[in-house]
Each structure stands twice: as structure tokens, then as C-alpha cells.
Amino acid sequence: MIQISVPGSDDLTLKYLVLDYNGTIAFDGKLYDVLKPLLVELSDVIEIHVLTADTFGDVKQQIEDLPLTLYILSSGEQDKQKQEYVIKLGKENCACIGNGRNDKLMLKEAGLGIALIQEEGACAQTLIAADIICKTITSALELLLHPKRMIATLRV
């Protein structure tokens, strides 16, 4: 669990990290190698979930050795599927990271929404729905490993 006390705002108690796959932790369907140790380290303090449409068809092989839960979305209304997944986990206890249009609702719903602008770009609506915007997934995950880094960004 990750606790974040933000001056002028409600404290955050994060139990779940919900990640988009393509454009977030993967590029062209391949998991960024640099993330494996970060995800393992994070799994000691927060339960990790990956939500994906599995566009390239090999997400299971890409993440098979990692301590996380994989959920493959069905076609159609993937934005709502992601939102419902976060609500079922307990939205106030979720940190969500994504970049695409289908991530907008889950980022807005989550206790902490982080949008990314990486190689695949980002949907402008998703950026607006986020609490924080990062340039890389590495920097976003490191914020969760070092939560005090977020205080200046989130304080009122």
C-alpha cells in the first residue's frame, strides 16, 4: 500500500496500480525491458493490474514472469471496461496510468490518474482527465516508489 498525504487535499491510500499496456508499458507491443525490475519492486507495495486489448497478440508472453494480474479487454467500449474494472477494485484506492483515449475514464475515476506522453503520443482528453502528466513510464513508476515527489505537484 502507498500512502500519500497531500496538503489541502484528501490523503491517498493506494492499493492497486492499473496500467494500460500499449503506449504505456509497451511500445509496438513489446514491454520496455527497463520496467521489469521497477514492476517487481512496486509489486512489493502495491497490487499491479494490466488492462489491454492485446493488439499485437503476445502480451501474455511479454509479462509472464512478472507479479501482476493481466486482464484482456473484449472489443467495444474498452474505455468503459477499464472504468468498470477500476470501480470494482475500489476507485479511491487505485492509481491508473495510461495515454490513450480509452484510458481517459479510468484516469478520471481513479484516486490518482497519471497520463503519459511517450513515443506513441497521448490523447489530449486523457491528459486533461489526469492528476499528473509524466514524460515517461519510468518517471511515473518512480513517483509511486517515492510518493513524496508528488506532493508539490498535487498540493492545493
Protein backbone atom coordinates (compact mmCIF):
# COMPACT_ATOMS: atom_id res chain seq x y z
CA MET A 1 0.00 0.00 0.00
CA ILE A 2 1.19 3.51 -0.81
CA GLN A 3 0.14 6.41 1.42
CA ILE A 4 0.31 9.99 0.17
CA SER A 5 -0.57 12.94 2.38
CA VAL A 6 -1.30 15.95 0.17
CA PRO A 7 -1.68 19.38 1.84
CA GLY A 8 -5.08 20.91 1.08
CA SER A 9 -6.46 17.67 -0.33
CA ASP A 10 -7.63 14.25 0.80
CA ASP A 11 -4.94 11.73 1.68
CA LEU A 12 -4.45 8.93 -0.84
CA THR A 13 -4.26 5.27 0.12
CA LEU A 14 -3.30 3.35 -3.00
CA LYS A 15 -3.67 -0.43 -3.01
CA TYR A 16 -3.85 -1.04 -6.76
CA LEU A 17 -1.87 0.11 -9.77
CA VAL A 18 -3.79 -0.26 -13.02
CA LEU A 19 -1.68 0.03 -16.16
CA ASP A 20 -2.58 0.30 -19.81
CA TYR A 21 -0.27 -1.81 -21.97
CA ASN A 22 0.45 -0.41 -25.46
CA GLY A 23 1.75 3.13 -25.35
CA THR A 24 2.18 2.91 -21.59
CA ILE A 25 4.40 -0.01 -20.55
CA ALA A 26 4.98 -1.32 -24.08
CA PHE A 27 5.97 0.09 -27.46
CA ASP A 28 4.83 -1.71 -30.60
CA GLY A 29 3.55 -4.49 -28.35
CA LYS A 30 6.90 -5.12 -26.62
CA LEU A 31 7.28 -4.49 -22.89
CA TYR A 32 10.00 -1.95 -22.13
CA ASP A 33 12.81 -4.12 -20.68
CA VAL A 34 13.81 -1.41 -18.21
CA LEU A 35 10.43 -1.79 -16.47
CA LYS A 36 10.80 -5.35 -15.25
CA PRO A 37 12.80 -4.54 -12.09
CA LEU A 38 10.62 -1.48 -11.37
CA LEU A 39 7.43 -3.54 -11.64
CA VAL A 40 8.86 -6.24 -9.38
CA GLU A 41 9.88 -3.63 -6.81
CA LEU A 42 6.49 -1.94 -6.97
CA SER A 43 4.67 -5.26 -6.57
CA ASP A 44 6.04 -5.41 -3.01
CA VAL A 45 3.96 -2.36 -2.06
CA ILE A 46 1.01 -2.28 -4.48
CA GLU A 47 -1.03 -4.87 -6.41
CA ILE A 48 -0.45 -4.40 -10.16
CA HIS A 49 -3.04 -4.94 -12.89
CA VAL A 50 -2.52 -4.60 -16.65
CA LEU A 51 -5.54 -3.94 -18.88
CA THR A 52 -5.13 -4.40 -22.63
CA ALA A 53 -6.88 -5.24 -25.86
CA ASP A 54 -3.71 -7.21 -26.73
CA THR A 55 -3.41 -5.55 -30.14
CA PHE A 56 -0.26 -7.50 -31.04
CA GLY A 57 -1.45 -10.81 -29.57
CA ASP A 58 1.54 -11.61 -27.36
CA VAL A 59 1.02 -9.73 -24.11
CA LYS A 60 0.92 -12.96 -22.08
CA GLN A 61 4.41 -13.88 -23.24
CA GLN A 62 5.69 -10.35 -22.63
CA ILE A 63 4.64 -10.24 -18.97
CA GLU A 64 4.55 -13.92 -17.97
CA ASP A 65 7.34 -13.65 -15.37
CA LEU A 66 6.01 -10.52 -13.68
CA PRO A 67 3.98 -10.40 -10.44
CA LEU A 68 0.83 -8.83 -11.85
CA THR A 69 -2.72 -9.56 -12.95
CA LEU A 70 -3.50 -9.43 -16.67
CA TYR A 71 -6.97 -8.60 -17.95
CA ILE A 72 -7.63 -8.74 -21.69
CA LEU A 73 -10.45 -6.45 -22.77
CA SER A 74 -13.13 -7.50 -25.20
CA SER A 75 -13.72 -5.43 -28.31
CA GLY A 76 -16.01 -2.43 -28.00
CA GLU A 77 -16.30 0.22 -25.30
CA GLN A 78 -12.88 -0.50 -23.89
CA ASP A 79 -12.89 2.85 -22.11
CA LYS A 80 -15.94 1.77 -20.12
CA GLN A 81 -14.46 -1.68 -19.45
CA LYS A 82 -11.38 -0.04 -17.95
CA GLN A 83 -13.52 2.35 -15.91
CA GLU A 84 -15.65 -0.53 -14.56
CA TYR A 85 -12.53 -2.53 -13.68
CA VAL A 86 -11.22 0.37 -11.59
CA ILE A 87 -14.60 0.87 -9.90
CA LYS A 88 -14.72 -2.84 -8.95
CA LEU A 89 -11.24 -2.65 -7.40
CA GLY A 90 -12.23 0.45 -5.44
CA LYS A 91 -11.53 3.59 -7.44
CA GLU A 92 -10.30 5.65 -4.49
CA ASN A 93 -7.57 3.05 -3.88
CA CYS A 94 -6.37 2.93 -7.50
CA ALA A 95 -3.52 4.64 -9.25
CA CYS A 96 -4.00 4.40 -13.01
CA ILE A 97 -1.51 5.11 -15.77
CA GLY A 98 -2.31 5.43 -19.46
CA ASN A 99 -2.03 7.53 -22.58
CA GLY A 100 -4.88 6.66 -24.92
CA ARG A 101 -8.44 7.81 -25.38
CA ASN A 102 -9.65 4.54 -23.87
CA ASP A 103 -7.72 5.38 -20.67
CA LYS A 104 -9.48 8.70 -20.05
CA LEU A 105 -12.35 7.36 -17.94
CA MET A 106 -10.19 5.19 -15.69
CA LEU A 107 -7.74 8.05 -15.07
CA LYS A 108 -10.59 10.39 -14.19
CA GLU A 109 -12.20 7.76 -11.92
CA ALA A 110 -9.02 6.76 -10.07
CA GLY A 111 -7.76 8.12 -6.78
CA LEU A 112 -4.63 9.05 -8.75
CA GLY A 113 -4.56 9.29 -12.54
CA ILE A 114 -1.25 9.63 -14.37
CA ALA A 115 -1.13 10.28 -18.10
CA LEU A 116 1.95 9.72 -20.22
CA ILE A 117 3.30 11.36 -23.36
CA GLN A 118 5.76 8.85 -24.84
CA GLU A 119 6.64 7.60 -28.34
CA GLU A 120 3.02 6.81 -29.26
CA GLY A 121 1.77 10.21 -28.11
CA ALA A 122 -1.24 10.86 -25.89
CA CYS A 123 -4.88 11.74 -26.28
CA ALA A 124 -5.49 15.37 -25.25
CA GLN A 125 -8.71 14.42 -23.44
CA THR A 126 -6.79 11.85 -21.40
CA LEU A 127 -4.21 14.43 -20.38
CA ILE A 128 -6.99 16.69 -19.11
CA ALA A 129 -8.52 13.81 -17.09
CA ALA A 130 -5.21 13.06 -15.32
CA ASP A 131 -3.96 14.38 -11.98
CA ILE A 132 -0.33 14.20 -13.13
CA ILE A 133 1.31 14.06 -16.56
CA CYS A 134 4.72 12.39 -16.98
CA LYS A 135 7.05 12.15 -19.95
CA THR A 136 8.00 8.51 -19.36
CA ILE A 137 6.58 5.43 -17.70
CA THR A 138 9.80 5.14 -15.72
CA SER A 139 9.29 8.55 -14.13
CA ALA A 140 5.63 7.71 -13.39
CA LEU A 141 6.52 4.43 -11.67
CA GLU A 142 9.32 6.11 -9.72
CA LEU A 143 6.78 8.63 -8.40
CA LEU A 144 4.93 5.69 -6.87
CA LEU A 145 8.15 4.31 -5.39
CA HIS A 146 8.94 7.77 -3.97
CA PRO A 147 5.49 9.25 -3.25
CA LYS A 148 6.78 12.43 -1.58
CA ARG A 149 7.85 13.57 -5.05
CA MET A 150 4.16 14.02 -5.89
CA ILE A 151 3.29 16.33 -3.01
CA ALA A 152 4.41 19.57 -4.68
CA THR A 153 2.55 18.64 -7.86
CA LEU A 154 -0.71 17.70 -6.14
CA ARG A 155 -0.93 20.18 -3.25
CA VAL A 156 -3.62 22.83 -3.36
